[in-house]
């Protein structure tokens, strides 16, 4: 497990270990969750940094327009 995922693991164990909610059955699901959070955060940061783009039909890339503001 990556170091950032281990940090998430430790936080969850610290917050929930005393409750008895987590058991050995949850180990794999918790590991996958921790890695998924790290990957999501990395992908979100990359998207924020590079902007939205997609692959065009001709194989090139094109910038996507920003989504319109939603009424509140």
PDB file of N, CA and C in Angstrom:
ATOM      1  N   UNK A   1       0.854  -1.167   0.000  1.00  0.00           N
ATOM      2  CA  UNK A   1       0.000   0.000   0.000  1.00  0.00           C
ATOM      3  C   UNK A   1       0.901   1.232   0.000  1.00  0.00           C
ATOM      4  N   UNK A   2       0.540   2.218  -0.784  1.00  0.00           N
ATOM      5  CA  UNK A   2       1.341   3.446  -0.875  1.00  0.00           C
ATOM      6  C   UNK A   2       1.311   4.202   0.455  1.00  0.00           C
ATOM      7  N   UNK A   3       2.315   5.059   0.649  1.00  0.00           N
ATOM      8  CA  UNK A   3       2.396   5.839   1.885  1.00  0.00           C
ATOM      9  C   UNK A   3       1.161   6.734   2.081  1.00  0.00           C
ATOM     10  N   UNK A   4       0.676   7.435   1.035  1.00  0.00           N
ATOM     11  CA  UNK A   4      -0.537   8.232   1.227  1.00  0.00           C
ATOM     12  C   UNK A   4      -1.750   7.373   1.603  1.00  0.00           C
ATOM     13  N   UNK A   5      -1.855   6.185   1.019  1.00  0.00           N
ATOM     14  CA  UNK A   5      -2.965   5.286   1.355  1.00  0.00           C
ATOM     15  C   UNK A   5      -2.832   4.795   2.793  1.00  0.00           C
ATOM     16  N   UNK A   6      -1.604   4.564   3.239  1.00  0.00           N
ATOM     17  CA  UNK A   6      -1.383   4.149   4.622  1.00  0.00           C
ATOM     18  C   UNK A   6      -1.826   5.245   5.596  1.00  0.00           C
ATOM     19  N   UNK A   7      -1.626   6.495   5.219  1.00  0.00           N
ATOM     20  CA  UNK A   7      -2.072   7.606   6.068  1.00  0.00           C
ATOM     21  C   UNK A   7      -3.590   7.594   6.221  1.00  0.00           C
ATOM     22  N   UNK A   8      -4.295   7.341   5.126  1.00  0.00           N
ATOM     23  CA  UNK A   8      -5.757   7.265   5.167  1.00  0.00           C
ATOM     24  C   UNK A   8      -6.176   6.066   6.024  1.00  0.00           C
ATOM     25  N   UNK A   9      -5.499   4.939   5.822  1.00  0.00           N
ATOM     26  CA  UNK A   9      -5.763   3.725   6.604  1.00  0.00           C
ATOM     27  C   UNK A   9      -5.647   4.023   8.102  1.00  0.00           C
ATOM     28  N   UNK A  10      -4.544   4.649   8.480  1.00  0.00           N
ATOM     29  CA  UNK A  10      -4.305   4.941   9.897  1.00  0.00           C
ATOM     30  C   UNK A  10      -5.378   5.869  10.466  1.00  0.00           C
ATOM     31  N   UNK A  11      -5.792   6.853   9.672  1.00  0.00           N
ATOM     32  CA  UNK A  11      -6.846   7.775  10.118  1.00  0.00           C
ATOM     33  C   UNK A  11      -8.155   7.028  10.360  1.00  0.00           C
ATOM     34  N   UNK A  12      -8.513   6.139   9.429  1.00  0.00           N
ATOM     35  CA  UNK A  12      -9.759   5.396   9.569  1.00  0.00           C
ATOM     36  C   UNK A  12      -9.692   4.448  10.762  1.00  0.00           C
ATOM     37  N   UNK A  13      -8.595   3.749  10.896  1.00  0.00           N
ATOM     38  CA  UNK A  13      -8.433   2.834  12.027  1.00  0.00           C
ATOM     39  C   UNK A  13      -8.493   3.606  13.338  1.00  0.00           C
ATOM     40  N   UNK A  14      -7.835   4.762  13.397  1.00  0.00           N
ATOM     41  CA  UNK A  14      -7.861   5.576  14.615  1.00  0.00           C
ATOM     42  C   UNK A  14      -9.291   6.000  14.956  1.00  0.00           C
ATOM     43  N   UNK A  15     -10.040   6.418  13.926  1.00  0.00           N
ATOM     44  CA  UNK A  15     -11.385   6.927  14.166  1.00  0.00           C
ATOM     45  C   UNK A  15     -12.416   5.836  14.445  1.00  0.00           C
ATOM     46  N   UNK A  16     -12.208   4.620  13.927  1.00  0.00           N
ATOM     47  CA  UNK A  16     -13.235   3.586  14.036  1.00  0.00           C
ATOM     48  C   UNK A  16     -12.850   2.359  14.852  1.00  0.00           C
ATOM     49  N   UNK A  17     -11.598   2.194  15.208  1.00  0.00           N
ATOM     50  CA  UNK A  17     -11.185   0.955  15.872  1.00  0.00           C
ATOM     51  C   UNK A  17     -11.906   0.739  17.196  1.00  0.00           C
ATOM     52  N   UNK A  18     -12.175   1.780  17.917  1.00  0.00           N
ATOM     53  CA  UNK A  18     -12.836   1.641  19.216  1.00  0.00           C
ATOM     54  C   UNK A  18     -14.327   1.311  19.108  1.00  0.00           C
ATOM     55  N   UNK A  19     -14.899   1.458  17.922  1.00  0.00           N
ATOM     56  CA  UNK A  19     -16.340   1.227  17.763  1.00  0.00           C
ATOM     57  C   UNK A  19     -16.689  -0.241  17.556  1.00  0.00           C
ATOM     58  N   UNK A  20     -15.720  -1.035  17.111  1.00  0.00           N
ATOM     59  CA  UNK A  20     -15.994  -2.435  16.815  1.00  0.00           C
ATOM     60  C   UNK A  20     -16.675  -2.637  15.476  1.00  0.00           C
ATOM     61  N   UNK A  21     -16.815  -1.557  14.706  1.00  0.00           N
ATOM     62  CA  UNK A  21     -17.465  -1.638  13.405  1.00  0.00           C
ATOM     63  C   UNK A  21     -16.581  -2.370  12.395  1.00  0.00           C
ATOM     64  N   UNK A  22     -15.287  -2.114  12.453  1.00  0.00           N
ATOM     65  CA  UNK A  22     -14.363  -2.738  11.514  1.00  0.00           C
ATOM     66  C   UNK A  22     -13.890  -4.085  12.048  1.00  0.00           C
ATOM     67  N   UNK A  23     -13.904  -5.085  11.162  1.00  0.00           N
ATOM     68  CA  UNK A  23     -13.411  -6.411  11.521  1.00  0.00           C
ATOM     69  C   UNK A  23     -12.391  -6.849  10.485  1.00  0.00           C
ATOM     70  N   UNK A  24     -11.802  -8.006  10.682  1.00  0.00           N
ATOM     71  CA  UNK A  24     -10.806  -8.509   9.724  1.00  0.00           C
ATOM     72  C   UNK A  24     -11.419  -8.729   8.346  1.00  0.00           C
ATOM     73  N   UNK A  25     -12.722  -8.925   8.290  1.00  0.00           N
ATOM     74  CA  UNK A  25     -13.413  -9.106   7.006  1.00  0.00           C
ATOM     75  C   UNK A  25     -13.311  -7.838   6.159  1.00  0.00           C
ATOM     76  N   UNK A  26     -13.194  -6.682   6.801  1.00  0.00           N
ATOM     77  CA  UNK A  26     -13.177  -5.397   6.100  1.00  0.00           C
ATOM     78  C   UNK A  26     -11.803  -5.002   5.557  1.00  0.00           C
ATOM     79  N   UNK A  27     -10.779  -5.777   5.847  1.00  0.00           N
ATOM     80  CA  UNK A  27      -9.408  -5.396   5.512  1.00  0.00           C
ATOM     81  C   UNK A  27      -9.220  -5.096   4.028  1.00  0.00           C
ATOM     82  N   UNK A  28      -9.621  -6.003   3.167  1.00  0.00           N
ATOM     83  CA  UNK A  28      -9.411  -5.798   1.724  1.00  0.00           C
ATOM     84  C   UNK A  28     -10.221  -4.615   1.202  1.00  0.00           C
ATOM     85  N   UNK A  29     -11.464  -4.500   1.632  1.00  0.00           N
ATOM     86  CA  UNK A  29     -12.299  -3.381   1.182  1.00  0.00           C
ATOM     87  C   UNK A  29     -11.716  -2.055   1.650  1.00  0.00           C
ATOM     88  N   UNK A  30     -11.215  -2.015   2.858  1.00  0.00           N
ATOM     89  CA  UNK A  30     -10.622  -0.793   3.380  1.00  0.00           C
ATOM     90  C   UNK A  30      -9.342  -0.431   2.625  1.00  0.00           C
ATOM     91  N   UNK A  31      -8.527  -1.443   2.312  1.00  0.00           N
ATOM     92  CA  UNK A  31      -7.300  -1.198   1.540  1.00  0.00           C
ATOM     93  C   UNK A  31      -7.640  -0.619   0.170  1.00  0.00           C
ATOM     94  N   UNK A  32      -8.611  -1.209  -0.510  1.00  0.00           N
ATOM     95  CA  UNK A  32      -9.020  -0.726  -1.833  1.00  0.00           C
ATOM     96  C   UNK A  32      -9.563   0.695  -1.732  1.00  0.00           C
ATOM     97  N   UNK A  33     -10.349   0.979  -0.708  1.00  0.00           N
ATOM     98  CA  UNK A  33     -10.880   2.323  -0.499  1.00  0.00           C
ATOM     99  C   UNK A  33      -9.749   3.332  -0.333  1.00  0.00           C
ATOM    100  N   UNK A  34      -8.766   2.997   0.493  1.00  0.00           N
ATOM    101  CA  UNK A  34      -7.650   3.923   0.745  1.00  0.00           C
ATOM    102  C   UNK A  34      -6.898   4.234  -0.544  1.00  0.00           C
ATOM    103  N   UNK A  35      -6.612   3.209  -1.337  1.00  0.00           N
ATOM    104  CA  UNK A  35      -5.921   3.430  -2.609  1.00  0.00           C
ATOM    105  C   UNK A  35      -6.791   4.232  -3.570  1.00  0.00           C
ATOM    106  N   UNK A  36      -8.107   3.985  -3.576  1.00  0.00           N
ATOM    107  CA  UNK A  36      -9.014   4.719  -4.460  1.00  0.00           C
ATOM    108  C   UNK A  36      -9.057   6.197  -4.102  1.00  0.00           C
ATOM    109  N   UNK A  37      -9.051   6.514  -2.820  1.00  0.00           N
ATOM    110  CA  UNK A  37      -9.046   7.917  -2.400  1.00  0.00           C
ATOM    111  C   UNK A  37      -7.785   8.609  -2.896  1.00  0.00           C
ATOM    112  N   UNK A  38      -6.642   7.953  -2.782  1.00  0.00           N
ATOM    113  CA  UNK A  38      -5.384   8.537  -3.242  1.00  0.00           C
ATOM    114  C   UNK A  38      -5.439   8.763  -4.753  1.00  0.00           C
ATOM    115  N   UNK A  39      -5.918   7.784  -5.495  1.00  0.00           N
ATOM    116  CA  UNK A  39      -5.997   7.921  -6.958  1.00  0.00           C
ATOM    117  C   UNK A  39      -6.965   9.025  -7.363  1.00  0.00           C
ATOM    118  N   UNK A  40      -8.102   9.106  -6.673  1.00  0.00           N
ATOM    119  CA  UNK A  40      -9.066  10.165  -6.964  1.00  0.00           C
ATOM    120  C   UNK A  40      -8.446  11.537  -6.724  1.00  0.00           C
ATOM    121  N   UNK A  41      -7.793  11.710  -5.586  1.00  0.00           N
ATOM    122  CA  UNK A  41      -7.179  13.001  -5.268  1.00  0.00           C
ATOM    123  C   UNK A  41      -6.122  13.372  -6.307  1.00  0.00           C
ATOM    124  N   UNK A  42      -5.347  12.389  -6.745  1.00  0.00           N
ATOM    125  CA  UNK A  42      -4.324  12.640  -7.765  1.00  0.00           C
ATOM    126  C   UNK A  42      -4.977  13.040  -9.089  1.00  0.00           C
ATOM    127  N   UNK A  43      -6.002  12.307  -9.500  1.00  0.00           N
ATOM    128  CA  UNK A  43      -6.684  12.612 -10.767  1.00  0.00           C
ATOM    129  C   UNK A  43      -7.362  13.976 -10.706  1.00  0.00           C
ATOM    130  N   UNK A  44      -7.979  14.303  -9.588  1.00  0.00           N
ATOM    131  CA  UNK A  44      -8.636  15.600  -9.447  1.00  0.00           C
ATOM    132  C   UNK A  44      -7.620  16.732  -9.521  1.00  0.00           C
ATOM    133  N   UNK A  45      -6.462  16.542  -8.905  1.00  0.00           N
ATOM    134  CA  UNK A  45      -5.416  17.567  -8.960  1.00  0.00           C
ATOM    135  C   UNK A  45      -4.889  17.731 -10.379  1.00  0.00           C
ATOM    136  N   UNK A  46      -4.702  16.627 -11.096  1.00  0.00           N
ATOM    137  CA  UNK A  46      -4.231  16.703 -12.484  1.00  0.00           C
ATOM    138  C   UNK A  46      -5.251  17.414 -13.358  1.00  0.00           C
ATOM    139  N   UNK A  47      -6.520  17.102 -13.173  1.00  0.00           N
ATOM    140  CA  UNK A  47      -7.569  17.743 -13.961  1.00  0.00           C
ATOM    141  C   UNK A  47      -7.627  19.233 -13.668  1.00  0.00           C
ATOM    142  N   UNK A  48      -7.509  19.587 -12.408  1.00  0.00           N
ATOM    143  CA  UNK A  48      -7.528  20.998 -12.020  1.00  0.00           C
ATOM    144  C   UNK A  48      -6.345  21.746 -12.642  1.00  0.00           C
ATOM    145  N   UNK A  49      -5.210  21.094 -12.691  1.00  0.00           N
ATOM    146  CA  UNK A  49      -3.995  21.721 -13.211  1.00  0.00           C
ATOM    147  C   UNK A  49      -4.012  21.833 -14.743  1.00  0.00           C
ATOM    148  N   UNK A  50      -4.479  20.791 -15.411  1.00  0.00           N
ATOM    149  CA  UNK A  50      -4.368  20.760 -16.870  1.00  0.00           C
ATOM    150  C   UNK A  50      -5.632  21.204 -17.586  1.00  0.00           C
ATOM    151  N   UNK A  51      -6.730  21.261 -16.904  1.00  0.00           N
ATOM    152  CA  UNK A  51      -7.983  21.625 -17.551  1.00  0.00           C
ATOM    153  C   UNK A  51      -8.618  20.423 -18.211  1.00  0.00           C
ATOM    154  N   UNK A  52      -9.780  20.654 -18.773  1.00  0.00           N
ATOM    155  CA  UNK A  52     -10.512  19.566 -19.417  1.00  0.00           C
ATOM    156  C   UNK A  52     -10.113  19.471 -20.882  1.00  0.00           C
ATOM    157  N   UNK A  53      -9.796  18.270 -21.309  1.00  0.00           N
ATOM    158  CA  UNK A  53      -9.524  18.029 -22.723  1.00  0.00           C
ATOM    159  C   UNK A  53      -9.989  16.622 -23.060  1.00  0.00           C
ATOM    160  N   UNK A  54     -10.165  16.373 -24.323  1.00  0.00           N
ATOM    161  CA  UNK A  54     -10.577  15.044 -24.759  1.00  0.00           C
ATOM    162  C   UNK A  54      -9.889  14.727 -26.078  1.00  0.00           C
ATOM    163  N   UNK A  55      -9.952  13.465 -26.464  1.00  0.00           N
ATOM    164  CA  UNK A  55      -9.357  13.029 -27.726  1.00  0.00           C
ATOM    165  C   UNK A  55     -10.391  13.221 -28.820  1.00  0.00           C
ATOM    166  N   UNK A  56     -10.009  13.951 -29.868  1.00  0.00           N
ATOM    167  CA  UNK A  56     -10.911  14.195 -30.991  1.00  0.00           C
ATOM    168  C   UNK A  56     -10.937  12.973 -31.913  1.00  0.00           C
ATOM    169  N   UNK A  57     -11.874  12.934 -32.823  1.00  0.00           N
ATOM    170  CA  UNK A  57     -11.987  11.815 -33.748  1.00  0.00           C
ATOM    171  C   UNK A  57     -10.739  11.635 -34.608  1.00  0.00           C
ATOM    172  N   UNK A  58     -10.040  12.734 -34.896  1.00  0.00           N
ATOM    173  CA  UNK A  58      -8.824  12.634 -35.719  1.00  0.00           C
ATOM    174  C   UNK A  58      -7.602  12.226 -34.900  1.00  0.00           C
ATOM    175  N   UNK A  59      -7.784  11.949 -33.599  1.00  0.00           N
ATOM    176  CA  UNK A  59      -6.684  11.514 -32.750  1.00  0.00           C
ATOM    177  C   UNK A  59      -6.013  12.630 -31.985  1.00  0.00           C
ATOM    178  N   UNK A  60      -6.300  13.876 -32.343  1.00  0.00           N
ATOM    179  CA  UNK A  60      -5.729  15.008 -31.629  1.00  0.00           C
ATOM    180  C   UNK A  60      -6.504  15.268 -30.348  1.00  0.00           C
ATOM    181  N   UNK A  61      -6.065  16.238 -29.622  1.00  0.00           N
ATOM    182  CA  UNK A  61      -6.796  16.606 -28.404  1.00  0.00           C
ATOM    183  C   UNK A  61      -7.523  17.922 -28.632  1.00  0.00           C
ATOM    184  N   UNK A  62      -8.573  18.111 -27.883  1.00  0.00           N
ATOM    185  CA  UNK A  62      -9.294  19.377 -27.962  1.00  0.00           C
ATOM    186  C   UNK A  62      -9.724  19.763 -26.562  1.00  0.00           C
ATOM    187  N   UNK A  63      -9.792  21.052 -26.346  1.00  0.00           N
ATOM    188  CA  UNK A  63     -10.216  21.564 -25.052  1.00  0.00           C
ATOM    189  C   UNK A  63     -11.733  21.513 -24.961  1.00  0.00           C
ATOM    190  N   UNK A  64     -12.216  21.105 -23.829  1.00  0.00           N
ATOM    191  CA  UNK A  64     -13.640  21.075 -23.574  1.00  0.00           C
ATOM    192  C   UNK A  64     -14.069  22.428 -23.033  1.00  0.00           C
ATOM    193  N   UNK A  65     -15.235  22.891 -23.416  1.00  0.00           N
ATOM    194  CA  UNK A  65     -15.710  24.148 -22.830  1.00  0.00           C
ATOM    195  C   UNK A  65     -16.019  23.951 -21.356  1.00  0.00           C
ATOM    196  N   UNK A  66     -15.885  25.006 -20.619  1.00  0.00           N
ATOM    197  CA  UNK A  66     -16.220  24.943 -19.188  1.00  0.00           C
ATOM    198  C   UNK A  66     -17.719  24.721 -19.059  1.00  0.00           C
ATOM    199  N   UNK A  67     -18.129  23.934 -18.081  1.00  0.00           N
ATOM    200  CA  UNK A  67     -19.566  23.721 -17.914  1.00  0.00           C
ATOM    201  C   UNK A  67     -20.256  25.012 -17.510  1.00  0.00           C
ATOM    202  N   UNK A  68     -21.477  25.220 -17.976  1.00  0.00           N
ATOM    203  CA  UNK A  68     -22.179  26.466 -17.602  1.00  0.00           C
ATOM    204  C   UNK A  68     -22.489  26.458 -16.113  1.00  0.00           C
ATOM    205  N   UNK A  69     -22.560  27.651 -15.555  1.00  0.00           N
ATOM    206  CA  UNK A  69     -22.934  27.759 -14.148  1.00  0.00           C
ATOM    207  C   UNK A  69     -24.368  27.269 -13.976  1.00  0.00           C
ATOM    208  N   UNK A  70     -24.570  26.536 -12.922  1.00  0.00           N
ATOM    209  CA  UNK A  70     -25.919  26.039 -12.658  1.00  0.00           C
ATOM    210  C   UNK A  70     -26.654  27.056 -11.800  1.00  0.00           C
ATOM    211  N   UNK A  71     -27.935  27.267 -12.101  1.00  0.00           N
ATOM    212  CA  UNK A  71     -28.705  28.185 -11.252  1.00  0.00           C
ATOM    213  C   UNK A  71     -28.812  27.608  -9.842  1.00  0.00           C
ATOM    214  N   UNK A  72     -28.829  28.474  -8.884  1.00  0.00           N
ATOM    215  CA  UNK A  72     -28.914  28.037  -7.482  1.00  0.00           C
ATOM    216  C   UNK A  72     -30.292  28.151  -6.954  1.00  0.00           C
TER     217      UNK A  72
END
